[in-house]
Amino acid sequence: MKRFGSVEIKEFVSKANFDKEIILNKELSWPKISIVTPSYNQGEFLERTILSVLNQNYPNLEYIIIDGGSTDNSIEIIKKYEKYLAYWVSEKDHGQSDALNKGFARATGEIVGWQNSDDTYATDSFVTAVNTFKKYPKAEIVFGNTYMIDENDNIINELRFTPFSLLAHLYEGMSISNQTCFWKKAVFDKIGMIDTRFSFSMDFEFFLRAKRANINFKFIHQPLGSFRVHTDSKTANIFNIRHKEHQKIDEIYDINRNFEKIYKTASLIKRTFFYLIQGDLDYILKGLTKLFIKNAKYNLK
């Protein structure tokens, strides 16, 4: 499994390393990738997000930034790179889901994805995704593993996934992340776009909807991007909203929680089996160590 260290991640997003001619002159022999970045007051991290897209040096890129009317330095940063953007706007919207749909409505690529304005892609993730779609023609959604990074791009954790499982997604939580996910734009024709009723769990609901519609997922056993953990991140601040939205999703899809512990245990066993097949014994041992330490601290209280 290809892996990256903190130094490599920092170097990749620290400065512009892309070939301007490659970004500006589209090579039509490559499938077009459309990336949408919803942006709002994340100027501290936005440039690193943009560079993680442009530094892919992907020869047929359509990059779209939908800003919700930022009042920090985000617009200044966007204008710095606007020459390489297919479209950008800064105007009041109805939140991240609305911004995403605005961007996807403009996207013309065969393959699409979104990267939040404080997260980043890994080196060569676009080419890796495209090659996977070519190798597995039936694949409609491709995704990989995710690093968790801090404000300074240091790796603080790693999320290794397994082939997408509805059981794991429902009863263990997100088993896929948008930071490392690409899908064929035709998926929108089959299941619709992002559900604007959700401001936190829209990705959870979107991938749930896709799986229930028998969309074909393909997992790549390598990190394709990073999710940033910081004090102002959306994830760190709206757990109550998350809980309410998941309750709403349960109602919409008639999710049975009566046997949740049984389903969760079955999912964990299945996922662990896949980790063993993938050669992720080190990941299993790290998880068990963390669980042991957590239980030990709890018992000492």
Protein backbone atom coordinates (compact mmCIF):
# COMPACT_ATOMS: atom_id res chain seq x y z
CA MET A 1 0.00 0.00 0.00
CA LYS A 2 1.36 3.39 -1.02
CA ARG A 3 1.63 5.72 1.97
CA PHE A 4 2.66 9.30 2.70
CA GLY A 5 4.33 11.00 5.63
CA SER A 6 3.67 14.42 7.14
CA VAL A 7 6.70 15.89 5.34
CA GLU A 8 5.39 14.75 1.95
CA ILE A 9 1.93 16.17 2.65
CA LYS A 10 3.39 19.51 3.74
CA GLU A 11 5.62 19.75 0.68
CA PHE A 12 2.78 18.90 -1.68
CA VAL A 13 0.52 21.73 -0.47
CA SER A 14 3.12 24.34 0.50
CA LYS A 15 3.72 25.91 -2.90
CA ALA A 16 2.61 25.85 -6.52
CA ASN A 17 4.33 22.96 -8.26
CA PHE A 18 1.96 22.58 -11.20
CA ASP A 19 2.76 23.12 -14.86
CA LYS A 20 0.63 26.07 -15.94
CA GLU A 21 0.47 24.87 -19.53
CA ILE A 22 -0.82 21.47 -18.48
CA ILE A 23 -3.59 23.02 -16.35
CA LEU A 24 -4.60 25.60 -18.97
CA ASN A 25 -4.34 23.47 -22.13
CA LYS A 26 -6.74 20.58 -21.77
CA GLU A 27 -5.61 17.19 -23.04
CA LEU A 28 -8.85 15.63 -24.26
CA SER A 29 -7.42 12.13 -24.36
CA TRP A 30 -7.80 12.14 -20.56
CA PRO A 31 -11.30 12.01 -19.02
CA LYS A 32 -12.28 15.38 -17.60
CA ILE A 33 -12.35 15.57 -13.80
CA SER A 34 -14.54 18.24 -12.20
CA ILE A 35 -13.69 19.14 -8.61
CA VAL A 36 -15.96 21.37 -6.53
CA THR A 37 -14.75 23.17 -3.41
CA PRO A 38 -17.43 24.73 -1.19
CA SER A 39 -15.76 27.58 0.66
CA TYR A 40 -16.64 29.82 3.58
CA ASN A 41 -14.18 31.68 5.83
CA GLN A 42 -11.45 29.03 5.69
CA GLY A 43 -8.76 31.36 4.40
CA GLU A 44 -6.21 29.85 6.75
CA PHE A 45 -6.37 26.55 4.86
CA LEU A 46 -7.97 27.35 1.49
CA GLU A 47 -4.74 27.87 -0.43
CA ARG A 48 -3.47 24.46 0.61
CA THR A 49 -6.73 22.92 -0.63
CA ILE A 50 -6.40 24.70 -3.98
CA LEU A 51 -2.77 23.65 -4.36
CA SER A 52 -3.64 20.04 -3.58
CA VAL A 53 -5.96 20.17 -6.61
CA LEU A 54 -3.75 22.10 -9.04
CA ASN A 55 -0.54 20.29 -8.03
CA GLN A 56 -2.07 17.07 -9.30
CA ASN A 57 -0.97 18.37 -12.71
CA TYR A 58 -3.96 16.54 -14.12
CA PRO A 59 -4.19 17.33 -17.85
CA ASN A 60 -7.98 17.70 -18.11
CA LEU A 61 -9.12 19.44 -14.93
CA GLU A 62 -12.22 21.54 -14.32
CA TYR A 63 -11.93 23.21 -10.92
CA ILE A 64 -14.91 25.06 -9.46
CA ILE A 65 -14.99 27.02 -6.19
CA ILE A 66 -18.31 28.08 -4.69
CA ASP A 67 -17.73 30.58 -1.89
CA GLY A 68 -20.58 31.50 0.43
CA GLY A 69 -19.60 35.15 0.84
CA SER A 70 -16.46 34.83 2.95
CA THR A 71 -15.40 37.85 5.00
CA ASP A 72 -11.81 36.72 5.63
CA ASN A 73 -9.01 36.53 3.06
CA SER A 74 -10.60 33.69 1.08
CA ILE A 75 -11.52 35.86 -1.92
CA GLU A 76 -7.99 37.19 -2.17
CA ILE A 77 -6.69 33.62 -2.27
CA ILE A 78 -9.24 32.52 -4.87
CA LYS A 79 -8.36 35.47 -7.12
CA LYS A 80 -4.69 34.50 -6.88
CA TYR A 81 -5.54 31.26 -8.71
CA GLU A 82 -8.61 32.28 -10.72
CA LYS A 83 -6.73 31.91 -14.00
CA TYR A 84 -6.71 28.16 -13.39
CA LEU A 85 -10.33 27.91 -12.28
CA ALA A 86 -13.17 26.98 -14.60
CA TYR A 87 -15.58 29.00 -12.46
CA TRP A 88 -15.81 30.65 -9.08
CA VAL A 89 -18.32 32.82 -7.28
CA SER A 90 -18.66 34.41 -3.88
CA GLU A 91 -22.24 34.99 -2.81
CA LYS A 92 -24.54 34.14 0.04
CA ASP A 93 -25.93 30.64 -0.19
CA HIS A 94 -27.92 28.20 1.92
CA GLY A 95 -24.98 26.27 3.28
CA GLN A 96 -22.51 23.66 2.11
CA SER A 97 -25.03 21.33 0.47
CA ASP A 98 -26.43 24.21 -1.58
CA ALA A 99 -22.91 25.28 -2.56
CA LEU A 100 -22.05 21.76 -3.67
CA ASN A 101 -25.13 21.48 -5.85
CA LYS A 102 -24.34 24.86 -7.43
CA GLY A 103 -20.91 23.58 -8.31
CA PHE A 104 -22.02 20.16 -9.53
CA ALA A 105 -24.71 21.78 -11.68
CA ARG A 106 -21.90 23.57 -13.55
CA ALA A 107 -19.60 20.56 -13.71
CA THR A 108 -19.09 19.05 -17.15
CA GLY A 109 -16.57 16.37 -16.27
CA GLU A 110 -17.09 12.65 -16.71
CA ILE A 111 -15.68 12.19 -13.19
CA VAL A 112 -16.50 14.48 -10.25
CA GLY A 113 -15.56 14.96 -6.62
CA TRP A 114 -15.55 17.56 -3.89
CA GLN A 115 -12.84 18.76 -1.59
CA ASN A 116 -13.70 20.93 1.39
CA SER A 117 -11.84 24.22 1.79
CA ASP A 118 -9.79 22.95 4.74
CA ASP A 119 -8.97 19.46 3.43
CA THR A 120 -6.49 18.24 0.82
CA TYR A 121 -5.87 15.61 -1.83
CA ALA A 122 -2.81 13.37 -1.81
CA THR A 123 -0.19 13.27 -4.54
CA ASP A 124 -1.37 11.59 -7.78
CA SER A 125 -4.85 10.88 -6.42
CA PHE A 126 -6.54 12.02 -9.67
CA VAL A 127 -4.45 9.74 -11.90
CA THR A 128 -4.93 6.89 -9.44
CA ALA A 129 -8.71 7.34 -9.53
CA VAL A 130 -8.81 7.59 -13.34
CA ASN A 131 -6.68 4.47 -13.76
CA THR A 132 -9.00 2.63 -11.37
CA PHE A 133 -12.06 3.62 -13.39
CA LYS A 134 -10.28 2.40 -16.53
CA LYS A 135 -9.28 -0.90 -14.94
CA TYR A 136 -12.75 -1.50 -13.49
CA PRO A 137 -15.24 -0.17 -16.08
CA LYS A 138 -18.25 -1.10 -13.96
CA ALA A 139 -17.05 1.07 -11.06
CA GLU A 140 -19.15 4.19 -10.54
CA ILE A 141 -17.69 5.43 -7.24
CA VAL A 142 -13.99 5.08 -6.40
CA PHE A 143 -12.60 5.85 -2.96
CA GLY A 144 -9.48 5.33 -0.86
CA ASN A 145 -8.06 5.69 2.63
CA THR A 146 -7.84 9.01 4.46
CA TYR A 147 -5.29 10.68 6.68
CA MET A 148 -6.39 12.92 9.53
CA ILE A 149 -4.13 15.98 9.77
CA ASP A 150 -3.82 18.96 12.10
CA GLU A 151 -3.61 22.69 11.35
CA ASN A 152 0.01 22.29 10.26
CA ASP A 153 -0.50 19.27 7.98
CA ASN A 154 0.92 16.78 10.48
CA ILE A 155 -0.65 13.33 10.35
CA ILE A 156 -2.46 12.61 13.61
CA ASN A 157 -4.37 9.51 12.56
CA GLU A 158 -5.22 7.32 9.61
CA LEU A 159 -8.60 6.02 8.50
CA ARG A 160 -8.23 2.80 6.56
CA PHE A 161 -11.38 1.58 4.93
CA THR A 162 -12.55 -1.66 3.38
CA PRO A 163 -14.80 -2.40 0.39
CA PHE A 164 -17.96 -0.35 0.94
CA SER A 165 -20.49 -2.06 3.18
CA LEU A 166 -24.00 -0.79 3.85
CA LEU A 167 -23.94 -2.58 7.20
CA ALA A 168 -20.78 -0.77 8.31
CA HIS A 169 -22.00 2.56 6.95
CA LEU A 170 -25.28 2.35 8.86
CA TYR A 171 -24.14 0.88 12.15
CA GLU A 172 -20.51 1.94 12.53
CA GLY A 173 -20.60 5.33 10.86
CA MET A 174 -18.94 6.77 7.75
CA SER A 175 -17.08 4.03 5.91
CA ILE A 176 -16.08 6.32 3.06
CA SER A 177 -14.92 9.95 2.96
CA ASN A 178 -15.48 12.65 0.36
CA GLN A 179 -11.84 13.73 0.81
CA THR A 180 -10.76 10.60 -1.07
CA CYS A 181 -13.77 9.89 -3.24
CA PHE A 182 -14.51 10.31 -6.97
CA TRP A 183 -17.57 9.26 -8.92
CA LYS A 184 -18.94 9.29 -12.42
CA LYS A 185 -21.16 12.30 -12.99
CA ALA A 186 -23.78 9.91 -14.35
CA VAL A 187 -24.40 8.83 -10.76
CA PHE A 188 -26.30 12.11 -10.30
CA ASP A 189 -28.64 11.07 -13.12
CA LYS A 190 -29.43 7.86 -11.26
CA ILE A 191 -29.84 9.09 -7.68
CA GLY A 192 -29.96 12.90 -7.75
CA MET A 193 -27.51 15.36 -6.23
CA ILE A 194 -26.78 16.36 -2.62
CA ASP A 195 -29.83 16.51 -0.34
CA THR A 196 -30.00 20.11 0.92
CA ARG A 197 -32.07 19.05 3.94
CA PHE A 198 -28.78 18.01 5.52
CA SER A 199 -26.00 20.41 6.47
CA PHE A 200 -23.72 17.89 8.19
CA SER A 201 -24.72 14.38 7.13
CA MET A 202 -25.22 15.08 3.42
CA ASP A 203 -22.24 12.88 2.48
CA PHE A 204 -23.45 10.04 4.71
CA GLU A 205 -26.91 10.24 3.12
CA PHE A 206 -25.56 10.56 -0.42
CA PHE A 207 -23.43 7.42 -0.21
CA LEU A 208 -26.24 5.58 1.58
CA ARG A 209 -28.60 6.53 -1.24
CA ALA A 210 -26.04 5.42 -3.80
CA LYS A 211 -25.57 2.00 -2.21
CA ARG A 212 -29.30 1.42 -1.92
CA ALA A 213 -29.58 2.24 -5.63
CA ASN A 214 -26.97 -0.46 -6.39
CA ILE A 215 -24.31 1.99 -7.48
CA ASN A 216 -21.02 0.13 -7.92
CA PHE A 217 -18.30 1.13 -5.40
CA LYS A 218 -14.61 0.35 -5.84
CA PHE A 219 -12.16 0.71 -2.96
CA ILE A 220 -8.48 1.61 -3.52
CA HIS A 221 -6.23 0.44 -0.71
CA GLN A 222 -4.13 3.60 -0.44
CA PRO A 223 -4.58 7.14 0.94
CA LEU A 224 -6.00 9.61 -1.58
CA GLY A 225 -6.44 12.63 0.66
CA SER A 226 -6.53 14.18 4.11
CA PHE A 227 -9.25 15.37 6.46
CA ARG A 228 -8.18 18.29 8.63
CA VAL A 229 -9.05 18.40 12.33
CA HIS A 230 -9.01 21.88 13.87
CA THR A 231 -10.97 23.89 16.42
CA ASP A 232 -13.06 25.76 13.84
CA SER A 233 -13.88 22.76 11.69
CA LYS A 234 -17.48 21.96 10.98
CA THR A 235 -17.13 18.46 12.38
CA ALA A 236 -15.83 19.76 15.69
CA ASN A 237 -18.75 22.07 16.31
CA ILE A 238 -22.12 20.58 15.32
CA PHE A 239 -22.52 17.17 16.93
CA ASN A 240 -26.10 17.99 17.99
CA ILE A 241 -27.04 18.74 14.38
CA ARG A 242 -25.35 15.53 13.30
CA HIS A 243 -27.44 13.49 15.76
CA LYS A 244 -30.70 15.09 14.59
CA GLU A 245 -29.84 14.61 10.95
CA HIS A 246 -29.02 10.95 11.45
CA GLN A 247 -32.36 10.50 13.17
CA LYS A 248 -34.00 12.08 10.13
CA ILE A 249 -32.11 9.74 7.80
CA ASP A 250 -33.26 6.76 9.86
CA GLU A 251 -36.85 7.93 9.39
CA ILE A 252 -36.50 8.49 5.65
CA TYR A 253 -34.90 5.11 4.99
CA ASP A 254 -36.74 3.21 7.73
CA ILE A 255 -33.52 2.08 9.39
CA ASN A 256 -34.02 -0.58 12.04
CA ARG A 257 -32.04 0.24 15.22
CA ASN A 258 -33.65 -2.45 17.37
CA PHE A 259 -30.73 -4.81 16.91
CA GLU A 260 -28.03 -2.19 16.48
CA LYS A 261 -25.50 -3.87 18.78
CA ILE A 262 -25.84 -7.16 16.91
CA TYR A 263 -25.53 -5.45 13.51
CA LYS A 264 -22.57 -3.38 14.70
CA THR A 265 -20.76 -6.44 16.02
CA ALA A 266 -21.40 -8.36 12.79
CA SER A 267 -20.11 -5.40 10.79
CA LEU A 268 -16.99 -5.10 12.93
CA ILE A 269 -16.18 -8.80 12.47
CA LYS A 270 -16.66 -8.50 8.70
CA ARG A 271 -14.53 -5.34 8.51
CA THR A 272 -11.75 -6.90 10.60
CA PHE A 273 -11.73 -9.87 8.22
CA PHE A 274 -11.17 -7.51 5.29
CA TYR A 275 -8.39 -5.70 7.18
CA LEU A 276 -6.62 -9.04 7.62
CA ILE A 277 -7.00 -9.84 3.92
CA GLN A 278 -5.62 -6.40 3.04
CA GLY A 279 -2.60 -6.91 5.28
CA ASP A 280 -3.68 -4.23 7.76
CA LEU A 281 -2.64 -6.16 10.88
CA ASP A 282 -0.75 -3.09 12.15
CA TYR A 283 -3.95 -1.05 11.87
CA ILE A 284 -5.91 -3.66 13.83
CA LEU A 285 -3.26 -3.73 16.57
CA LYS A 286 -3.28 0.07 16.82
CA GLY A 287 -7.06 0.01 17.18
CA LEU A 288 -6.94 -2.64 19.88
CA THR A 289 -4.24 -0.70 21.74
CA LYS A 290 -6.33 2.48 21.69
CA LEU A 291 -9.37 0.53 22.89
CA PHE A 292 -7.35 -1.04 25.72
CA ILE A 293 -6.01 2.35 26.85
CA LYS A 294 -9.49 3.89 26.67
CA ASN A 295 -11.01 1.11 28.78
CA ALA A 296 -8.12 1.27 31.25
CA LYS A 297 -8.63 5.01 31.78
CA TYR A 298 -12.38 4.46 32.18
CA ASN A 299 -11.85 1.74 34.81
CA LEU A 300 -9.48 3.98 36.77
CA LYS A 301 -12.14 6.66 37.20
